Amino acid sequence: LVFRIEEAAALKVVPRPALASGLASAWFDLRAAARALVRVP
């Protein structure tokens, strides 16, 4: 699991609208949940 990427110069994360960010986060959690269920058939 890659949980953080750092650069010597401060990374400038492109801000996203709150709705788009929430949907992306939910989609990520949904895929993670599906993978977790597959691991315990």
PDB file of all heavy atoms in Angstrom:
ATOM      1  N   LEU A   1       0.845  -1.185   0.000  1.00  0.00           N
ATOM      2  CA  LEU A   1       0.000   0.000   0.000  1.00  0.00           C
ATOM      3  C   LEU A   1       0.887   1.243   0.000  1.00  0.00           C
ATOM      4  O   LEU A   1       1.655   1.461   0.936  1.00  0.00           O
ATOM      5  CB  LEU A   1      -0.914   0.008   1.226  1.00  0.00           C
ATOM      6  CG  LEU A   1      -1.742   1.277   1.419  1.00  0.00           C
ATOM      7  CD1 LEU A   1      -2.736   1.457   0.275  1.00  0.00           C
ATOM      8  CD2 LEU A   1      -2.469   1.263   2.757  1.00  0.00           C
ATOM      9  N   VAL A   2       0.793   2.030  -1.053  1.00  0.00           N
ATOM     10  CA  VAL A   2       1.495   3.313  -1.133  1.00  0.00           C
ATOM     11  C   VAL A   2       0.588   4.349  -0.485  1.00  0.00           C
ATOM     12  O   VAL A   2      -0.470   4.672  -1.028  1.00  0.00           O
ATOM     13  CB  VAL A   2       1.806   3.690  -2.600  1.00  0.00           C
ATOM     14  CG1 VAL A   2       2.518   5.028  -2.650  1.00  0.00           C
ATOM     15  CG2 VAL A   2       2.647   2.607  -3.259  1.00  0.00           C
ATOM     16  N   PHE A   3       0.992   4.844   0.699  1.00  0.00           N
ATOM     17  CA  PHE A   3       0.092   5.752   1.399  1.00  0.00           C
ATOM     18  C   PHE A   3       0.574   7.206   1.392  1.00  0.00           C
ATOM     19  O   PHE A   3      -0.176   8.096   1.729  1.00  0.00           O
ATOM     20  CB  PHE A   3      -0.129   5.275   2.844  1.00  0.00           C
ATOM     21  CG  PHE A   3       1.104   5.250   3.704  1.00  0.00           C
ATOM     22  CD1 PHE A   3       1.505   6.380   4.417  1.00  0.00           C
ATOM     23  CD2 PHE A   3       1.882   4.102   3.788  1.00  0.00           C
ATOM     24  CE1 PHE A   3       2.632   6.349   5.215  1.00  0.00           C
ATOM     25  CE2 PHE A   3       3.006   4.067   4.589  1.00  0.00           C
ATOM     26  CZ  PHE A   3       3.405   5.187   5.297  1.00  0.00           C
ATOM     27  N   ARG A   4       1.837   7.450   0.993  1.00  0.00           N
ATOM     28  CA  ARG A   4       2.300   8.845   0.922  1.00  0.00           C
ATOM     29  C   ARG A   4       3.474   8.941  -0.043  1.00  0.00           C
ATOM     30  O   ARG A   4       4.334   8.051  -0.097  1.00  0.00           O
ATOM     31  CB  ARG A   4       2.708   9.350   2.318  1.00  0.00           C
ATOM     32  CG  ARG A   4       3.006  10.853   2.340  1.00  0.00           C
ATOM     33  CD  ARG A   4       3.117  11.397   3.752  1.00  0.00           C
ATOM     34  NE  ARG A   4       4.315  10.935   4.439  1.00  0.00           N
ATOM     35  CZ  ARG A   4       4.327  10.085   5.436  1.00  0.00           C
ATOM     36  NH1 ARG A   4       3.192   9.554   5.863  1.00  0.00           N
ATOM     37  NH2 ARG A   4       5.452   9.715   6.040  1.00  0.00           N
ATOM     38  N   ILE A   5       3.536  10.027  -0.796  1.00  0.00           N
ATOM     39  CA  ILE A   5       4.648  10.319  -1.710  1.00  0.00           C
ATOM     40  C   ILE A   5       5.127  11.734  -1.405  1.00  0.00           C
ATOM     41  O   ILE A   5       4.338  12.690  -1.443  1.00  0.00           O
ATOM     42  CB  ILE A   5       4.221  10.209  -3.181  1.00  0.00           C
ATOM     43  CG1 ILE A   5       3.746   8.784  -3.484  1.00  0.00           C
ATOM     44  CG2 ILE A   5       5.363  10.592  -4.107  1.00  0.00           C
ATOM     45  CD1 ILE A   5       3.183   8.606  -4.871  1.00  0.00           C
ATOM     46  N   GLU A   6       6.404  11.861  -1.099  1.00  0.00           N
ATOM     47  CA  GLU A   6       6.967  13.168  -0.732  1.00  0.00           C
ATOM     48  C   GLU A   6       8.026  13.580  -1.740  1.00  0.00           C
ATOM     49  O   GLU A   6       8.735  12.734  -2.299  1.00  0.00           O
ATOM     50  CB  GLU A   6       7.588  13.094   0.670  1.00  0.00           C
ATOM     51  CG  GLU A   6       6.574  12.820   1.777  1.00  0.00           C
ATOM     52  CD  GLU A   6       7.238  12.708   3.131  1.00  0.00           C
ATOM     53  OE1 GLU A   6       8.473  12.520   3.156  1.00  0.00           O
ATOM     54  OE2 GLU A   6       6.530  12.792   4.156  1.00  0.00           O
ATOM     55  N   GLU A   7       8.116  14.870  -1.934  1.00  0.00           N
ATOM     56  CA  GLU A   7       9.147  15.436  -2.815  1.00  0.00           C
ATOM     57  C   GLU A   7       9.927  16.471  -2.006  1.00  0.00           C
ATOM     58  O   GLU A   7       9.379  17.081  -1.076  1.00  0.00           O
ATOM     59  CB  GLU A   7       8.498  16.078  -4.036  1.00  0.00           C
ATOM     60  CG  GLU A   7       9.467  16.391  -5.154  1.00  0.00           C
ATOM     61  CD  GLU A   7       8.751  16.885  -6.402  1.00  0.00           C
ATOM     62  OE1 GLU A   7       7.555  17.244  -6.304  1.00  0.00           O
ATOM     63  OE2 GLU A   7       9.385  16.932  -7.456  1.00  0.00           O
ATOM     64  N   ALA A   8      11.189  16.664  -2.365  1.00  0.00           N
ATOM     65  CA  ALA A   8      12.033  17.619  -1.619  1.00  0.00           C
ATOM     66  C   ALA A   8      11.374  18.980  -1.582  1.00  0.00           C
ATOM     67  O   ALA A   8      11.314  19.650  -0.552  1.00  0.00           O
ATOM     68  CB  ALA A   8      13.421  17.694  -2.247  1.00  0.00           C
ATOM     69  N   ALA A   9      10.858  19.420  -2.718  1.00  0.00           N
ATOM     70  CA  ALA A   9      10.077  20.653  -2.757  1.00  0.00           C
ATOM     71  C   ALA A   9       8.644  20.291  -2.401  1.00  0.00           C
ATOM     72  O   ALA A   9       8.159  19.202  -2.733  1.00  0.00           O
ATOM     73  CB  ALA A   9      10.140  21.287  -4.144  1.00  0.00           C
ATOM     74  N   ALA A  10       7.953  21.150  -1.707  1.00  0.00           N
ATOM     75  CA  ALA A  10       6.596  20.844  -1.253  1.00  0.00           C
ATOM     76  C   ALA A  10       5.700  20.526  -2.443  1.00  0.00           C
ATOM     77  O   ALA A  10       5.697  21.239  -3.441  1.00  0.00           O
ATOM     78  CB  ALA A  10       6.024  22.033  -0.478  1.00  0.00           C
ATOM     79  N   LEU A  11       5.010  19.442  -2.341  1.00  0.00           N
ATOM     80  CA  LEU A  11       4.084  19.059  -3.407  1.00  0.00           C
ATOM     81  C   LEU A  11       2.891  20.003  -3.405  1.00  0.00           C
ATOM     82  O   LEU A  11       2.366  20.367  -2.364  1.00  0.00           O
ATOM     83  CB  LEU A  11       3.593  17.628  -3.173  1.00  0.00           C
ATOM     84  CG  LEU A  11       4.631  16.521  -3.343  1.00  0.00           C
ATOM     85  CD1 LEU A  11       4.007  15.189  -2.933  1.00  0.00           C
ATOM     86  CD2 LEU A  11       5.123  16.449  -4.759  1.00  0.00           C
ATOM     87  N   LYS A  12       2.510  20.381  -4.598  1.00  0.00           N
ATOM     88  CA  LYS A  12       1.339  21.239  -4.733  1.00  0.00           C
ATOM     89  C   LYS A  12       0.200  20.378  -5.277  1.00  0.00           C
ATOM     90  O   LYS A  12       0.143  20.085  -6.464  1.00  0.00           O
ATOM     91  CB  LYS A  12       1.636  22.422  -5.669  1.00  0.00           C
ATOM     92  CG  LYS A  12       2.697  23.361  -5.121  1.00  0.00           C
ATOM     93  CD  LYS A  12       2.805  24.590  -5.977  1.00  0.00           C
ATOM     94  CE  LYS A  12       3.848  25.554  -5.415  1.00  0.00           C
ATOM     95  NZ  LYS A  12       3.451  26.048  -4.089  1.00  0.00           N
ATOM     96  N   VAL A  13      -0.667  19.921  -4.372  1.00  0.00           N
ATOM     97  CA  VAL A  13      -1.793  19.081  -4.758  1.00  0.00           C
ATOM     98  C   VAL A  13      -2.861  19.948  -5.395  1.00  0.00           C
ATOM     99  O   VAL A  13      -3.241  21.003  -4.857  1.00  0.00           O
ATOM    100  CB  VAL A  13      -2.364  18.354  -3.522  1.00  0.00           C
ATOM    101  CG1 VAL A  13      -3.560  17.499  -3.914  1.00  0.00           C
ATOM    102  CG2 VAL A  13      -1.290  17.506  -2.885  1.00  0.00           C
ATOM    103  N   VAL A  14      -3.312  19.519  -6.563  1.00  0.00           N
ATOM    104  CA  VAL A  14      -4.341  20.276  -7.260  1.00  0.00           C
ATOM    105  C   VAL A  14      -5.657  20.148  -6.497  1.00  0.00           C
ATOM    106  O   VAL A  14      -6.138  19.043  -6.289  1.00  0.00           O
ATOM    107  CB  VAL A  14      -4.519  19.739  -8.703  1.00  0.00           C
ATOM    108  CG1 VAL A  14      -5.608  20.516  -9.434  1.00  0.00           C
ATOM    109  CG2 VAL A  14      -3.198  19.811  -9.446  1.00  0.00           C
ATOM    110  N   PRO A  15      -6.188  21.247  -6.039  1.00  0.00           N
ATOM    111  CA  PRO A  15      -7.433  21.140  -5.275  1.00  0.00           C
ATOM    112  C   PRO A  15      -8.588  20.682  -6.171  1.00  0.00           C
ATOM    113  O   PRO A  15      -8.641  21.028  -7.346  1.00  0.00           O
ATOM    114  CB  PRO A  15      -7.657  22.574  -4.765  1.00  0.00           C
ATOM    115  CG  PRO A  15      -6.928  23.444  -5.730  1.00  0.00           C
ATOM    116  CD  PRO A  15      -5.740  22.651  -6.192  1.00  0.00           C
ATOM    117  N   ARG A  16      -9.469  19.892  -5.595  1.00  0.00           N
ATOM    118  CA  ARG A  16     -10.638  19.427  -6.335  1.00  0.00           C
ATOM    119  C   ARG A  16     -11.892  19.843  -5.587  1.00  0.00           C
ATOM    120  O   ARG A  16     -11.854  20.037  -4.375  1.00  0.00           O
ATOM    121  CB  ARG A  16     -10.620  17.894  -6.478  1.00  0.00           C
ATOM    122  CG  ARG A  16      -9.477  17.379  -7.315  1.00  0.00           C
ATOM    123  CD  ARG A  16      -9.613  15.870  -7.499  1.00  0.00           C
ATOM    124  NE  ARG A  16      -9.462  15.164  -6.239  1.00  0.00           N
ATOM    125  CZ  ARG A  16      -9.604  13.852  -6.112  1.00  0.00           C
ATOM    126  NH1 ARG A  16      -9.916  13.131  -7.148  1.00  0.00           N
ATOM    127  NH2 ARG A  16      -9.448  13.271  -4.938  1.00  0.00           N
ATOM    128  N   PRO A  17     -13.007  19.976  -6.296  1.00  0.00           N
ATOM    129  CA  PRO A  17     -14.254  20.313  -5.609  1.00  0.00           C
ATOM    130  C   PRO A  17     -14.575  19.263  -4.544  1.00  0.00           C
ATOM    131  O   PRO A  17     -14.204  18.094  -4.672  1.00  0.00           O
ATOM    132  CB  PRO A  17     -15.296  20.308  -6.745  1.00  0.00           C
ATOM    133  CG  PRO A  17     -14.513  20.511  -7.999  1.00  0.00           C
ATOM    134  CD  PRO A  17     -13.165  19.901  -7.755  1.00  0.00           C
ATOM    135  N   ALA A  18     -15.268  19.692  -3.507  1.00  0.00           N
ATOM    136  CA  ALA A  18     -15.568  18.795  -2.395  1.00  0.00           C
ATOM    137  C   ALA A  18     -16.364  17.570  -2.853  1.00  0.00           C
ATOM    138  O   ALA A  18     -16.104  16.445  -2.426  1.00  0.00           O
ATOM    139  CB  ALA A  18     -16.350  19.551  -1.315  1.00  0.00           C
ATOM    140  N   LEU A  19     -17.346  17.765  -3.761  1.00  0.00           N
ATOM    141  CA  LEU A  19     -18.154  16.643  -4.234  1.00  0.00           C
ATOM    142  C   LEU A  19     -17.296  15.645  -4.988  1.00  0.00           C
ATOM    143  O   LEU A  19     -17.383  14.429  -4.767  1.00  0.00           O
ATOM    144  CB  LEU A  19     -19.304  17.144  -5.114  1.00  0.00           C
ATOM    145  CG  LEU A  19     -20.205  16.059  -5.724  1.00  0.00           C
ATOM    146  CD1 LEU A  19     -20.859  15.257  -4.605  1.00  0.00           C
ATOM    147  CD2 LEU A  19     -21.260  16.691  -6.639  1.00  0.00           C
ATOM    148  N   ALA A  20     -16.446  16.151  -5.895  1.00  0.00           N
ATOM    149  CA  ALA A  20     -15.597  15.244  -6.667  1.00  0.00           C
ATOM    150  C   ALA A  20     -14.635  14.494  -5.764  1.00  0.00           C
ATOM    151  O   ALA A  20     -14.387  13.295  -5.935  1.00  0.00           O
ATOM    152  CB  ALA A  20     -14.841  16.030  -7.729  1.00  0.00           C
ATOM    153  N   SER A  21     -14.095  15.187  -4.766  1.00  0.00           N
ATOM    154  CA  SER A  21     -13.184  14.537  -3.842  1.00  0.00           C
ATOM    155  C   SER A  21     -13.902  13.458  -3.031  1.00  0.00           C
ATOM    156  O   SER A  21     -13.371  12.364  -2.815  1.00  0.00           O
ATOM    157  CB  SER A  21     -12.573  15.581  -2.896  1.00  0.00           C
ATOM    158  OG  SER A  21     -11.716  14.970  -1.970  1.00  0.00           O
ATOM    159  N   GLY A  22     -15.132  13.755  -2.584  1.00  0.00           N
ATOM    160  CA  GLY A  22     -15.885  12.770  -1.822  1.00  0.00           C
ATOM    161  C   GLY A  22     -16.239  11.545  -2.648  1.00  0.00           C
ATOM    162  O   GLY A  22     -16.153  10.415  -2.173  1.00  0.00           O
ATOM    163  N   LEU A  23     -16.621  11.766  -3.913  1.00  0.00           N
ATOM    164  CA  LEU A  23     -16.952  10.644  -4.779  1.00  0.00           C
ATOM    165  C   LEU A  23     -15.734   9.786  -5.057  1.00  0.00           C
ATOM    166  O   LEU A  23     -15.817   8.547  -5.061  1.00  0.00           O
ATOM    167  CB  LEU A  23     -17.555  11.155  -6.093  1.00  0.00           C
ATOM    168  CG  LEU A  23     -18.954  11.779  -5.993  1.00  0.00           C
ATOM    169  CD1 LEU A  23     -19.393  12.316  -7.340  1.00  0.00           C
ATOM    170  CD2 LEU A  23     -19.960  10.747  -5.483  1.00  0.00           C
ATOM    171  N   ALA A  24     -14.585  10.437  -5.290  1.00  0.00           N
ATOM    172  CA  ALA A  24     -13.364   9.674  -5.529  1.00  0.00           C
ATOM    173  C   ALA A  24     -12.984   8.851  -4.296  1.00  0.00           C
ATOM    174  O   ALA A  24     -12.566   7.699  -4.402  1.00  0.00           O
ATOM    175  CB  ALA A  24     -12.231  10.629  -5.915  1.00  0.00           C
ATOM    176  N   SER A  25     -13.145   9.448  -3.124  1.00  0.00           N
ATOM    177  CA  SER A  25     -12.830   8.736  -1.893  1.00  0.00           C
ATOM    178  C   SER A  25     -13.773   7.544  -1.687  1.00  0.00           C
ATOM    179  O   SER A  25     -13.348   6.457  -1.308  1.00  0.00           O
ATOM    180  CB  SER A  25     -12.927   9.692  -0.707  1.00  0.00           C
ATOM    181  OG  SER A  25     -12.727   9.013   0.507  1.00  0.00           O
ATOM    182  N   ALA A  26     -15.067   7.763  -1.966  1.00  0.00           N
ATOM    183  CA  ALA A  26     -16.036   6.672  -1.816  1.00  0.00           C
ATOM    184  C   ALA A  26     -15.752   5.547  -2.815  1.00  0.00           C
ATOM    185  O   ALA A  26     -15.863   4.363  -2.486  1.00  0.00           O
ATOM    186  CB  ALA A  26     -17.456   7.203  -1.998  1.00  0.00           C
ATOM    187  N   TRP A  27     -15.383   5.908  -4.040  1.00  0.00           N
ATOM    188  CA  TRP A  27     -15.059   4.894  -5.054  1.00  0.00           C
ATOM    189  C   TRP A  27     -13.830   4.087  -4.631  1.00  0.00           C
ATOM    190  O   TRP A  27     -13.789   2.864  -4.817  1.00  0.00           O
ATOM    191  CB  TRP A  27     -14.851   5.570  -6.396  1.00  0.00           C
ATOM    192  CG  TRP A  27     -14.388   4.646  -7.492  1.00  0.00           C
ATOM    193  CD1 TRP A  27     -13.209   4.677  -8.154  1.00  0.00           C
ATOM    194  CD2 TRP A  27     -15.118   3.544  -8.040  1.00  0.00           C
ATOM    195  NE1 TRP A  27     -13.131   3.672  -9.075  1.00  0.00           N
ATOM    196  CE2 TRP A  27     -14.298   2.953  -9.040  1.00  0.00           C
ATOM    197  CE3 TRP A  27     -16.374   2.995  -7.782  1.00  0.00           C
ATOM    198  CZ2 TRP A  27     -14.699   1.850  -9.767  1.00  0.00           C
ATOM    199  CZ3 TRP A  27     -16.775   1.886  -8.522  1.00  0.00           C
ATOM    200  CH2 TRP A  27     -15.944   1.329  -9.492  1.00  0.00           C
ATOM    201  N   PHE A  28     -12.864   4.771  -4.055  1.00  0.00           N
ATOM    202  CA  PHE A  28     -11.666   4.072  -3.575  1.00  0.00           C
ATOM    203  C   PHE A  28     -12.048   3.090  -2.459  1.00  0.00           C
ATOM    204  O   PHE A  28     -11.581   1.938  -2.446  1.00  0.00           O
ATOM    205  CB  PHE A  28     -10.643   5.089  -3.071  1.00  0.00           C
ATOM    206  CG  PHE A  28      -9.390   4.469  -2.515  1.00  0.00           C
ATOM    207  CD1 PHE A  28      -8.345   4.098  -3.354  1.00  0.00           C
ATOM    208  CD2 PHE A  28      -9.261   4.238  -1.154  1.00  0.00           C
ATOM    209  CE1 PHE A  28      -7.201   3.515  -2.845  1.00  0.00           C
ATOM    210  CE2 PHE A  28      -8.123   3.643  -0.636  1.00  0.00           C
ATOM    211  CZ  PHE A  28      -7.088   3.290  -1.492  1.00  0.00           C
ATOM    212  N   ASP A  29     -12.893   3.541  -1.517  1.00  0.00           N
ATOM    213  CA  ASP A  29     -13.310   2.666  -0.423  1.00  0.00           C
ATOM    214  C   ASP A  29     -14.141   1.495  -0.935  1.00  0.00           C
ATOM    215  O   ASP A  29     -14.048   0.380  -0.405  1.00  0.00           O
ATOM    216  CB  ASP A  29     -14.118   3.456   0.606  1.00  0.00           C
ATOM    217  CG  ASP A  29     -13.233   4.358   1.453  1.00  0.00           C
ATOM    218  OD1 ASP A  29     -12.005   4.194   1.393  1.00  0.00           O
ATOM    219  OD2 ASP A  29     -13.775   5.230   2.161  1.00  0.00           O
ATOM    220  N   LEU A  30     -14.950   1.749  -1.969  1.00  0.00           N
ATOM    221  CA  LEU A  30     -15.758   0.670  -2.529  1.00  0.00           C
ATOM    222  C   LEU A  30     -14.886  -0.417  -3.138  1.00  0.00           C
ATOM    223  O   LEU A  30     -15.109  -1.610  -2.925  1.00  0.00           O
ATOM    224  CB  LEU A  30     -16.716   1.237  -3.577  1.00  0.00           C
ATOM    225  CG  LEU A  30     -17.698   0.253  -4.217  1.00  0.00           C
ATOM    226  CD1 LEU A  30     -18.634  -0.314  -3.159  1.00  0.00           C
ATOM    227  CD2 LEU A  30     -18.502   0.927  -5.323  1.00  0.00           C
ATOM    228  N   ARG A  31     -13.872  -0.015  -3.874  1.00  0.00           N
ATOM    229  CA  ARG A  31     -12.955  -1.007  -4.451  1.00  0.00           C
ATOM    230  C   ARG A  31     -12.189  -1.741  -3.360  1.00  0.00           C
ATOM    231  O   ARG A  31     -11.967  -2.961  -3.450  1.00  0.00           O
ATOM    232  CB  ARG A  31     -11.998  -0.326  -5.422  1.00  0.00           C
ATOM    233  CG  ARG A  31     -12.650   0.136  -6.714  1.00  0.00           C
ATOM    234  CD  ARG A  31     -11.626   0.742  -7.638  1.00  0.00           C
ATOM    235  NE  ARG A  31     -11.029   1.927  -7.023  1.00  0.00           N
ATOM    236  CZ  ARG A  31      -9.940   2.541  -7.499  1.00  0.00           C
ATOM    237  NH1 ARG A  31      -9.316   2.060  -8.553  1.00  0.00           N
ATOM    238  NH2 ARG A  31      -9.479   3.615  -6.904  1.00  0.00           N
ATOM    239  N   ALA A  32     -11.786  -1.004  -2.320  1.00  0.00           N
ATOM    240  CA  ALA A  32     -11.070  -1.640  -1.217  1.00  0.00           C
ATOM    241  C   ALA A  32     -11.966  -2.654  -0.503  1.00  0.00           C
ATOM    242  O   ALA A  32     -11.514  -3.740  -0.115  1.00  0.00           O
ATOM    243  CB  ALA A  32     -10.569  -0.582  -0.233  1.00  0.00           C
ATOM    244  N   ALA A  33     -13.254  -2.315  -0.344  1.00  0.00           N
ATOM    245  CA  ALA A  33     -14.179  -3.243   0.297  1.00  0.00           C
ATOM    246  C   ALA A  33     -14.366  -4.504  -0.545  1.00  0.00           C
ATOM    247  O   ALA A  33     -14.418  -5.621  -0.020  1.00  0.00           O
ATOM    248  CB  ALA A  33     -15.536  -2.561   0.528  1.00  0.00           C
ATOM    249  N   ALA A  34     -14.476  -4.327  -1.870  1.00  0.00           N
ATOM    250  CA  ALA A  34     -14.624  -5.487  -2.751  1.00  0.00           C
ATOM    251  C   ALA A  34     -13.399  -6.391  -2.673  1.00  0.00           C
ATOM    252  O   ALA A  34     -13.516  -7.621  -2.610  1.00  0.00           O
ATOM    253  CB  ALA A  34     -14.868  -5.027  -4.183  1.00  0.00           C
ATOM    254  N   ARG A  35     -12.201  -5.793  -2.666  1.00  0.00           N
ATOM    255  CA  ARG A  35     -10.990  -6.605  -2.573  1.00  0.00           C
ATOM    256  C   ARG A  35     -10.911  -7.329  -1.229  1.00  0.00           C
ATOM    257  O   ARG A  35     -10.468  -8.479  -1.144  1.00  0.00           O
ATOM    258  CB  ARG A  35      -9.759  -5.714  -2.772  1.00  0.00           C
ATOM    259  CG  ARG A  35      -9.564  -5.253  -4.203  1.00  0.00           C
ATOM    260  CD  ARG A  35      -8.185  -4.644  -4.383  1.00  0.00           C
ATOM    261  NE  ARG A  35      -8.023  -3.421  -3.603  1.00  0.00           N
ATOM    262  CZ  ARG A  35      -8.270  -2.201  -4.072  1.00  0.00           C
ATOM    263  NH1 ARG A  35      -8.700  -2.044  -5.315  1.00  0.00           N
ATOM    264  NH2 ARG A  35      -8.098  -1.146  -3.310  1.00  0.00           N
ATOM    265  N   ALA A  36     -11.360  -6.652  -0.165  1.00  0.00           N
ATOM    266  CA  ALA A  36     -11.333  -7.279   1.156  1.00  0.00           C
ATOM    267  C   ALA A  36     -12.273  -8.490   1.207  1.00  0.00           C
ATOM    268  O   ALA A  36     -11.952  -9.501   1.837  1.00  0.00           O
ATOM    269  CB  ALA A  36     -11.733  -6.263   2.228  1.00  0.00           C
ATOM    270  N   LEU A  37     -13.422  -8.405   0.548  1.00  0.00           N
ATOM    271  CA  LEU A  37     -14.346  -9.531   0.541  1.00  0.00           C
ATOM    272  C   LEU A  37     -13.811 -10.689  -0.291  1.00  0.00           C
ATOM    273  O   LEU A  37     -14.029 -11.859   0.039  1.00  0.00           O
ATOM    274  CB  LEU A  37     -15.712  -9.085   0.001  1.00  0.00           C
ATOM    275  CG  LEU A  37     -16.482  -8.082   0.868  1.00  0.00           C
ATOM    276  CD1 LEU A  37     -17.765  -7.654   0.183  1.00  0.00           C
ATOM    277  CD2 LEU A  37     -16.790  -8.682   2.233  1.00  0.00           C
ATOM    278  N   VAL A  38     -13.115 -10.375  -1.374  1.00  0.00           N
ATOM    279  CA  VAL A  38     -12.539 -11.426  -2.208  1.00  0.00           C
ATOM    280  C   VAL A  38     -11.454 -12.182  -1.449  1.00  0.00           C
ATOM    281  O   VAL A  38     -11.271 -13.389  -1.623  1.00  0.00           O
ATOM    282  CB  VAL A  38     -11.988 -10.827  -3.517  1.00  0.00           C
ATOM    283  CG1 VAL A  38     -11.177 -11.855  -4.299  1.00  0.00           C
ATOM    284  CG2 VAL A  38     -13.130 -10.303  -4.369  1.00  0.00           C
ATOM    285  N   ARG A  39     -10.746 -11.485  -0.555  1.00  0.00           N
ATOM    286  CA  ARG A  39      -9.660 -12.128   0.187  1.00  0.00           C
ATOM    287  C   ARG A  39     -10.172 -13.132   1.224  1.00  0.00           C
ATOM    288  O   ARG A  39      -9.415 -13.971   1.696  1.00  0.00           O
ATOM    289  CB  ARG A  39      -8.795 -11.063   0.895  1.00  0.00           C
ATOM    290  CG  ARG A  39      -7.941 -10.244  -0.040  1.00  0.00           C
ATOM    291  CD  ARG A  39      -6.829  -9.552   0.735  1.00  0.00           C
ATOM    292  NE  ARG A  39      -7.342  -8.646   1.749  1.00  0.00           N
ATOM    293  CZ  ARG A  39      -7.602  -7.367   1.553  1.00  0.00           C
ATOM    294  NH1 ARG A  39      -7.405  -6.829   0.360  1.00  0.00           N
ATOM    295  NH2 ARG A  39      -8.059  -6.607   2.534  1.00  0.00           N
ATOM    296  N   VAL A  40     -11.446 -13.009   1.618  1.00  0.00           N
ATOM    297  CA  VAL A  40     -12.021 -13.945   2.601  1.00  0.00           C
ATOM    298  C   VAL A  40     -13.276 -14.581   1.996  1.00  0.00           C
ATOM    299  O   VAL A  40     -14.405 -14.283   2.406  1.00  0.00           O
ATOM    300  CB  VAL A  40     -12.340 -13.230   3.930  1.00  0.00           C
ATOM    301  CG1 VAL A  40     -11.100 -13.006   4.742  1.00  0.00           C
ATOM    302  CG2 VAL A  40     -13.069 -11.907   3.682  1.00  0.00           C
ATOM    303  N   PRO A  41     -13.130 -15.459   1.013  1.00  0.00           N
ATOM    304  CA  PRO A  41     -14.310 -16.019   0.318  1.00  0.00           C
ATOM    305  C   PRO A  41     -15.217 -16.832   1.230  1.00  0.00           C
ATOM    306  O   PRO A  41     -16.425 -16.882   0.997  1.00  0.00           O
ATOM    307  CB  PRO A  41     -13.676 -16.893  -0.783  1.00  0.00           C
ATOM    308  CG  PRO A  41     -12.305 -17.198  -0.286  1.00  0.00           C
ATOM    309  CD  PRO A  41     -11.866 -15.990   0.488  1.00  0.00           C
TER     310      PRO A  41
END
